[in-house]
Amino acid sequence: MTGELEVKPQLDADGRVVQILGVTRDVSERKRLESELQRLALTDDLTGAYNRRYANEILPMAIKKFHRYRTPASVLLIDIDHFKAINDRCGHLVGDAVLTEFARRIAEVVRESDTLVRWGGEEFLLLAERCSMTQAVVVAEKLQAAFAHPVHDAGEVTVSIGVAEINAGDDLDSWIHRADDAMYAAKAAGRDSIQVSE
């Protein structure tokens, strides 16, 4: 039980404390609801991945760590190839199942310290702190391999991945923009590929 104690002194006519009354309340349910509200505010309801609001809190911290301690960090922008066609062909319920399975498979591959964000629609961002470009490419290859097996009724699903390691000239916008450019280069290269930002 999580409790809350309210204490109120009882005074006599001269203002001296003659007794103390206390009331305890079980606030376990309120604490559980507060925790659930915080989780809902920071995560995507469908996939369980973090949402963009949370990303906007943690990405600047990764940049500060890089500038202060030279701690490497990489972002991977991951886009499900031909997702609109999956929705059109199989329906939105299957599309939602693909997104949920997508997030689950990514979570199985990445480190516990990595942060998966549903960036928008069928696009996800993975923040990999203490991860150089070379290491991030290995992660991207593992992510691609995770989709070697069909996903639900959608069949084969492939991903295009753009990778960018933070560098000295980056702010948040330039870092994400470089990863985004690399992801679009992966799509332009025929999809189901990985491209890195220089």
C-alpha atoms as a PDB file:
ATOM      1  CA  MET A   1       0.000   0.000   0.000  1.00  0.00           C
ATOM      2  CA  THR A   2       1.148   3.499  -0.780  1.00  0.00           C
ATOM      3  CA  GLY A   3      -0.164   5.761   1.935  1.00  0.00           C
ATOM      4  CA  GLU A   4      -0.671   9.437   2.491  1.00  0.00           C
ATOM      5  CA  LEU A   5      -0.755  10.762   6.047  1.00  0.00           C
ATOM      6  CA  GLU A   6      -2.540  13.952   7.052  1.00  0.00           C
ATOM      7  CA  VAL A   7      -1.764  15.210  10.542  1.00  0.00           C
ATOM      8  CA  LYS A   8      -3.702  17.967  12.309  1.00  0.00           C
ATOM      9  CA  PRO A   9      -2.900  19.231  15.813  1.00  0.00           C
ATOM     10  CA  GLN A  10      -5.801  19.935  18.214  1.00  0.00           C
ATOM     11  CA  LEU A  11      -5.182  23.014  20.353  1.00  0.00           C
ATOM     12  CA  ASP A  12      -6.634  24.064  23.699  1.00  0.00           C
ATOM     13  CA  ALA A  13      -7.872  27.581  24.484  1.00  0.00           C
ATOM     14  CA  ASP A  14      -4.292  28.709  25.208  1.00  0.00           C
ATOM     15  CA  GLY A  15      -3.012  27.455  21.848  1.00  0.00           C
ATOM     16  CA  ARG A  16      -1.162  24.432  23.248  1.00  0.00           C
ATOM     17  CA  VAL A  17      -1.282  21.125  21.427  1.00  0.00           C
ATOM     18  CA  VAL A  18      -3.416  18.705  23.407  1.00  0.00           C
ATOM     19  CA  GLN A  19      -3.686  15.940  20.857  1.00  0.00           C
ATOM     20  CA  ILE A  20      -2.793  15.138  17.305  1.00  0.00           C
ATOM     21  CA  LEU A  21      -5.267  13.623  14.901  1.00  0.00           C
ATOM     22  CA  GLY A  22      -3.993  11.646  11.972  1.00  0.00           C
ATOM     23  CA  VAL A  23      -5.712  10.221   8.943  1.00  0.00           C
ATOM     24  CA  THR A  24      -4.088   7.853   6.498  1.00  0.00           C
ATOM     25  CA  ARG A  25      -5.368   7.259   3.009  1.00  0.00           C
ATOM     26  CA  ASP A  26      -4.489   4.501   0.602  1.00  0.00           C
ATOM     27  CA  VAL A  27      -3.287   6.321  -2.530  1.00  0.00           C
ATOM     28  CA  SER A  28      -2.032   3.229  -4.358  1.00  0.00           C
ATOM     29  CA  GLU A  29      -4.674   3.548  -7.066  1.00  0.00           C
ATOM     30  CA  ARG A  30      -3.966   7.253  -7.558  1.00  0.00           C
ATOM     31  CA  LYS A  31      -0.220   6.556  -7.844  1.00  0.00           C
ATOM     32  CA  ARG A  32      -0.900   3.760 -10.329  1.00  0.00           C
ATOM     33  CA  LEU A  33      -3.079   6.079 -12.425  1.00  0.00           C
ATOM     34  CA  GLU A  34      -0.462   8.854 -12.308  1.00  0.00           C
ATOM     35  CA  SER A  35       2.169   6.386 -13.488  1.00  0.00           C
ATOM     36  CA  GLU A  36      -0.121   5.175 -16.280  1.00  0.00           C
ATOM     37  CA  LEU A  37      -0.838   8.759 -17.376  1.00  0.00           C
ATOM     38  CA  GLN A  38       2.877   9.506 -17.533  1.00  0.00           C
ATOM     39  CA  ARG A  39       3.469   6.359 -19.589  1.00  0.00           C
ATOM     40  CA  LEU A  40       0.663   7.304 -21.980  1.00  0.00           C
ATOM     41  CA  ALA A  41       2.063  10.816 -22.345  1.00  0.00           C
ATOM     42  CA  LEU A  42       5.458   9.456 -23.435  1.00  0.00           C
ATOM     43  CA  THR A  43       4.623   6.364 -25.472  1.00  0.00           C
ATOM     44  CA  ASP A  44       2.804   5.479 -28.646  1.00  0.00           C
ATOM     45  CA  ASP A  45      -0.413   3.708 -27.714  1.00  0.00           C
ATOM     46  CA  LEU A  46      -0.317   1.259 -30.633  1.00  0.00           C
ATOM     47  CA  THR A  47       3.299   0.097 -30.625  1.00  0.00           C
ATOM     48  CA  GLY A  48       4.460   0.790 -27.081  1.00  0.00           C
ATOM     49  CA  ALA A  49       7.495   2.626 -28.490  1.00  0.00           C
ATOM     50  CA  TYR A  50       8.262   6.068 -27.129  1.00  0.00           C
ATOM     51  CA  ASN A  51       6.625   9.002 -28.901  1.00  0.00           C
ATOM     52  CA  ARG A  52       8.101  12.082 -30.517  1.00  0.00           C
ATOM     53  CA  ARG A  53       7.462  14.182 -27.398  1.00  0.00           C
ATOM     54  CA  TYR A  54       9.797  11.907 -25.450  1.00  0.00           C
ATOM     55  CA  ALA A  55      12.336  11.995 -28.282  1.00  0.00           C
ATOM     56  CA  ASN A  56      12.354  15.781 -28.086  1.00  0.00           C
ATOM     57  CA  GLU A  57      13.420  15.422 -24.446  1.00  0.00           C
ATOM     58  CA  ILE A  58      16.154  12.795 -24.835  1.00  0.00           C
ATOM     59  CA  LEU A  59      17.778  13.709 -28.153  1.00  0.00           C
ATOM     60  CA  PRO A  60      19.031  17.102 -26.886  1.00  0.00           C
ATOM     61  CA  MET A  61      20.519  15.312 -23.860  1.00  0.00           C
ATOM     62  CA  ALA A  62      22.438  12.960 -26.174  1.00  0.00           C
ATOM     63  CA  ILE A  63      23.794  15.991 -28.036  1.00  0.00           C
ATOM     64  CA  LYS A  64      24.884  17.617 -24.763  1.00  0.00           C
ATOM     65  CA  LYS A  65      26.652  14.405 -23.709  1.00  0.00           C
ATOM     66  CA  PHE A  66      28.465  14.332 -27.025  1.00  0.00           C
ATOM     67  CA  HIS A  67      29.614  17.948 -26.769  1.00  0.00           C
ATOM     68  CA  ARG A  68      30.613  17.633 -23.112  1.00  0.00           C
ATOM     69  CA  TYR A  69      32.125  14.133 -22.955  1.00  0.00           C
ATOM     70  CA  ARG A  70      32.560  13.190 -26.634  1.00  0.00           C
ATOM     71  CA  THR A  71      30.233  10.238 -26.054  1.00  0.00           C
ATOM     72  CA  PRO A  72      29.302   8.922 -29.506  1.00  0.00           C
ATOM     73  CA  ALA A  73      25.670   8.492 -30.426  1.00  0.00           C
ATOM     74  CA  SER A  74      23.884   7.475 -33.587  1.00  0.00           C
ATOM     75  CA  VAL A  75      20.339   7.745 -34.807  1.00  0.00           C
ATOM     76  CA  LEU A  76      18.780   5.285 -37.186  1.00  0.00           C
ATOM     77  CA  LEU A  77      15.683   6.358 -39.076  1.00  0.00           C
ATOM     78  CA  ILE A  78      13.808   3.219 -40.073  1.00  0.00           C
ATOM     79  CA  ASP A  79      10.943   3.267 -42.552  1.00  0.00           C
ATOM     80  CA  ILE A  80       8.721   0.328 -43.456  1.00  0.00           C
ATOM     81  CA  ASP A  81       8.885  -0.006 -47.234  1.00  0.00           C
ATOM     82  CA  HIS A  82       5.593   0.178 -49.143  1.00  0.00           C
ATOM     83  CA  PHE A  83       3.555   0.516 -45.956  1.00  0.00           C
ATOM     84  CA  LYS A  84       0.714   2.326 -47.731  1.00  0.00           C
ATOM     85  CA  ALA A  85       0.421  -0.642 -50.094  1.00  0.00           C
ATOM     86  CA  ILE A  86       0.183  -2.979 -47.083  1.00  0.00           C
ATOM     87  CA  ASN A  87      -2.655  -0.868 -45.664  1.00  0.00           C
ATOM     88  CA  ASP A  88      -4.401  -0.694 -49.049  1.00  0.00           C
ATOM     89  CA  ARG A  89      -4.012  -4.413 -49.783  1.00  0.00           C
ATOM     90  CA  CYS A  90      -4.598  -5.886 -46.327  1.00  0.00           C
ATOM     91  CA  GLY A  91      -6.513  -3.216 -44.414  1.00  0.00           C
ATOM     92  CA  HIS A  92      -5.656  -0.992 -41.494  1.00  0.00           C
ATOM     93  CA  LEU A  93      -5.997  -3.732 -38.873  1.00  0.00           C
ATOM     94  CA  VAL A  94      -3.215  -5.681 -40.573  1.00  0.00           C
ATOM     95  CA  GLY A  95      -1.262  -2.431 -40.971  1.00  0.00           C
ATOM     96  CA  ASP A  96      -1.573  -1.819 -37.233  1.00  0.00           C
ATOM     97  CA  ALA A  97      -0.468  -5.402 -36.542  1.00  0.00           C
ATOM     98  CA  VAL A  98       2.579  -4.828 -38.775  1.00  0.00           C
ATOM     99  CA  LEU A  99       3.496  -1.678 -36.821  1.00  0.00           C
ATOM    100  CA  THR A 100       3.123  -3.501 -33.501  1.00  0.00           C
ATOM    101  CA  GLU A 101       5.179  -6.475 -34.697  1.00  0.00           C
ATOM    102  CA  PHE A 102       7.739  -4.092 -36.179  1.00  0.00           C
ATOM    103  CA  ALA A 103       8.290  -2.425 -32.797  1.00  0.00           C
ATOM    104  CA  ARG A 104       8.428  -5.810 -31.051  1.00  0.00           C
ATOM    105  CA  ARG A 105      11.059  -7.186 -33.429  1.00  0.00           C
ATOM    106  CA  ILE A 106      13.183  -4.068 -33.112  1.00  0.00           C
ATOM    107  CA  ALA A 107      13.007  -4.272 -29.310  1.00  0.00           C
ATOM    108  CA  GLU A 108      14.299  -7.866 -29.488  1.00  0.00           C
ATOM    109  CA  VAL A 109      17.350  -6.830 -31.517  1.00  0.00           C
ATOM    110  CA  VAL A 110      18.547  -3.620 -29.870  1.00  0.00           C
ATOM    111  CA  ARG A 111      20.251  -3.016 -26.550  1.00  0.00           C
ATOM    112  CA  GLU A 112      18.189  -2.207 -23.492  1.00  0.00           C
ATOM    113  CA  SER A 113      19.894   1.197 -23.368  1.00  0.00           C
ATOM    114  CA  ASP A 114      18.745   2.060 -26.917  1.00  0.00           C
ATOM    115  CA  THR A 115      15.584   4.113 -27.277  1.00  0.00           C
ATOM    116  CA  LEU A 116      12.953   3.289 -29.887  1.00  0.00           C
ATOM    117  CA  VAL A 117      10.624   6.105 -30.929  1.00  0.00           C
ATOM    118  CA  ARG A 118       7.666   6.016 -33.263  1.00  0.00           C
ATOM    119  CA  TRP A 119       8.723   9.060 -35.234  1.00  0.00           C
ATOM    120  CA  GLY A 120       5.587   9.235 -37.365  1.00  0.00           C
ATOM    121  CA  GLY A 121       3.339   6.912 -39.350  1.00  0.00           C
ATOM    122  CA  GLU A 122       5.477   3.950 -40.406  1.00  0.00           C
ATOM    123  CA  GLU A 123       8.743   5.667 -39.515  1.00  0.00           C
ATOM    124  CA  PHE A 124      10.718   4.888 -36.370  1.00  0.00           C
ATOM    125  CA  LEU A 125      13.816   6.466 -34.862  1.00  0.00           C
ATOM    126  CA  LEU A 126      16.322   4.506 -32.833  1.00  0.00           C
ATOM    127  CA  LEU A 127      18.678   6.450 -30.573  1.00  0.00           C
ATOM    128  CA  ALA A 128      21.780   4.377 -29.914  1.00  0.00           C
ATOM    129  CA  GLU A 129      23.998   6.144 -27.394  1.00  0.00           C
ATOM    130  CA  ARG A 130      27.631   5.087 -27.005  1.00  0.00           C
ATOM    131  CA  CYS A 131      27.344   3.780 -30.555  1.00  0.00           C
ATOM    132  CA  SER A 132      29.663   4.787 -33.386  1.00  0.00           C
ATOM    133  CA  MET A 133      28.672   4.780 -37.047  1.00  0.00           C
ATOM    134  CA  THR A 134      30.319   1.384 -37.551  1.00  0.00           C
ATOM    135  CA  GLN A 135      28.420  -0.094 -34.608  1.00  0.00           C
ATOM    136  CA  ALA A 136      25.182   1.544 -35.769  1.00  0.00           C
ATOM    137  CA  VAL A 137      25.499  -0.075 -39.196  1.00  0.00           C
ATOM    138  CA  VAL A 138      25.798  -3.469 -37.471  1.00  0.00           C
ATOM    139  CA  VAL A 139      22.589  -2.646 -35.563  1.00  0.00           C
ATOM    140  CA  ALA A 140      20.901  -1.655 -38.841  1.00  0.00           C
ATOM    141  CA  GLU A 141      21.927  -4.967 -40.413  1.00  0.00           C
ATOM    142  CA  LYS A 142      20.438  -6.829 -37.440  1.00  0.00           C
ATOM    143  CA  LEU A 143      17.225  -4.854 -37.842  1.00  0.00           C
ATOM    144  CA  GLN A 144      17.005  -5.819 -41.500  1.00  0.00           C
ATOM    145  CA  ALA A 145      17.608  -9.469 -40.620  1.00  0.00           C
ATOM    146  CA  ALA A 146      14.783  -9.304 -38.056  1.00  0.00           C
ATOM    147  CA  PHE A 147      12.377  -8.851 -40.948  1.00  0.00           C
ATOM    148  CA  ALA A 148      13.534 -11.896 -42.915  1.00  0.00           C
ATOM    149  CA  HIS A 149      10.354 -13.705 -41.824  1.00  0.00           C
ATOM    150  CA  PRO A 150       6.873 -12.636 -42.994  1.00  0.00           C
ATOM    151  CA  VAL A 151       4.881 -10.300 -40.778  1.00  0.00           C
ATOM    152  CA  HIS A 152       1.293 -11.449 -40.126  1.00  0.00           C
ATOM    153  CA  ASP A 153      -0.981 -11.380 -43.171  1.00  0.00           C
ATOM    154  CA  ALA A 154       1.147  -8.673 -44.801  1.00  0.00           C
ATOM    155  CA  GLY A 155       3.739 -11.170 -45.999  1.00  0.00           C
ATOM    156  CA  GLU A 156       7.273  -9.970 -46.612  1.00  0.00           C
ATOM    157  CA  VAL A 157       8.096  -6.611 -45.077  1.00  0.00           C
ATOM    158  CA  THR A 158      11.327  -4.754 -45.749  1.00  0.00           C
ATOM    159  CA  VAL A 159      12.832  -1.628 -44.235  1.00  0.00           C
ATOM    160  CA  SER A 160      14.931   1.265 -45.445  1.00  0.00           C
ATOM    161  CA  ILE A 161      17.328   2.624 -42.843  1.00  0.00           C
ATOM    162  CA  GLY A 162      19.290   5.859 -42.665  1.00  0.00           C
ATOM    163  CA  VAL A 163      22.120   6.093 -40.138  1.00  0.00           C
ATOM    164  CA  ALA A 164      23.802   9.239 -38.807  1.00  0.00           C
ATOM    165  CA  GLU A 165      26.396   9.514 -36.064  1.00  0.00           C
ATOM    166  CA  ILE A 166      26.428  12.845 -34.289  1.00  0.00           C
ATOM    167  CA  ASN A 167      29.342  15.077 -35.204  1.00  0.00           C
ATOM    168  CA  ALA A 168      30.819  18.285 -33.825  1.00  0.00           C
ATOM    169  CA  GLY A 169      28.818  20.557 -36.122  1.00  0.00           C
ATOM    170  CA  ASP A 170      25.436  19.010 -35.356  1.00  0.00           C
ATOM    171  CA  ASP A 171      22.478  20.437 -33.571  1.00  0.00           C
ATOM    172  CA  LEU A 172      19.285  18.416 -33.235  1.00  0.00           C
ATOM    173  CA  ASP A 173      17.849  19.473 -36.588  1.00  0.00           C
ATOM    174  CA  SER A 174      21.007  18.824 -38.599  1.00  0.00           C
ATOM    175  CA  TRP A 175      21.592  15.431 -36.973  1.00  0.00           C
ATOM    176  CA  ILE A 176      18.064  14.209 -37.688  1.00  0.00           C
ATOM    177  CA  HIS A 177      18.125  15.776 -41.155  1.00  0.00           C
ATOM    178  CA  ARG A 178      21.262  13.815 -42.043  1.00  0.00           C
ATOM    179  CA  ALA A 179      19.643  10.552 -40.900  1.00  0.00           C
ATOM    180  CA  ASP A 180      16.496  11.440 -42.840  1.00  0.00           C
ATOM    181  CA  ASP A 181      18.503  12.162 -46.006  1.00  0.00           C
ATOM    182  CA  ALA A 182      20.276   8.811 -45.608  1.00  0.00           C
ATOM    183  CA  MET A 183      16.938   7.028 -45.198  1.00  0.00           C
ATOM    184  CA  TYR A 184      15.593   8.584 -48.391  1.00  0.00           C
ATOM    185  CA  ALA A 185      18.814   7.607 -50.142  1.00  0.00           C
ATOM    186  CA  ALA A 186      18.150   4.020 -48.988  1.00  0.00           C
ATOM    187  CA  LYS A 187      14.685   4.215 -50.529  1.00  0.00           C
ATOM    188  CA  ALA A 188      16.092   5.683 -53.747  1.00  0.00           C
ATOM    189  CA  ALA A 189      18.638   2.841 -53.887  1.00  0.00           C
ATOM    190  CA  GLY A 190      15.805   0.348 -54.291  1.00  0.00           C
ATOM    191  CA  ARG A 191      14.551   0.083 -50.703  1.00  0.00           C
ATOM    192  CA  ASP A 192      15.425  -2.757 -48.327  1.00  0.00           C
ATOM    193  CA  SER A 193      18.787  -1.102 -47.819  1.00  0.00           C
ATOM    194  CA  ILE A 194      20.926   0.862 -45.386  1.00  0.00           C
ATOM    195  CA  GLN A 195      22.574   4.183 -46.164  1.00  0.00           C
ATOM    196  CA  VAL A 196      24.879   6.169 -43.918  1.00  0.00           C
ATOM    197  CA  SER A 197      25.302   9.903 -43.635  1.00  0.00           C
ATOM    198  CA  GLU A 198      28.800  11.278 -43.980  1.00  0.00           C
END
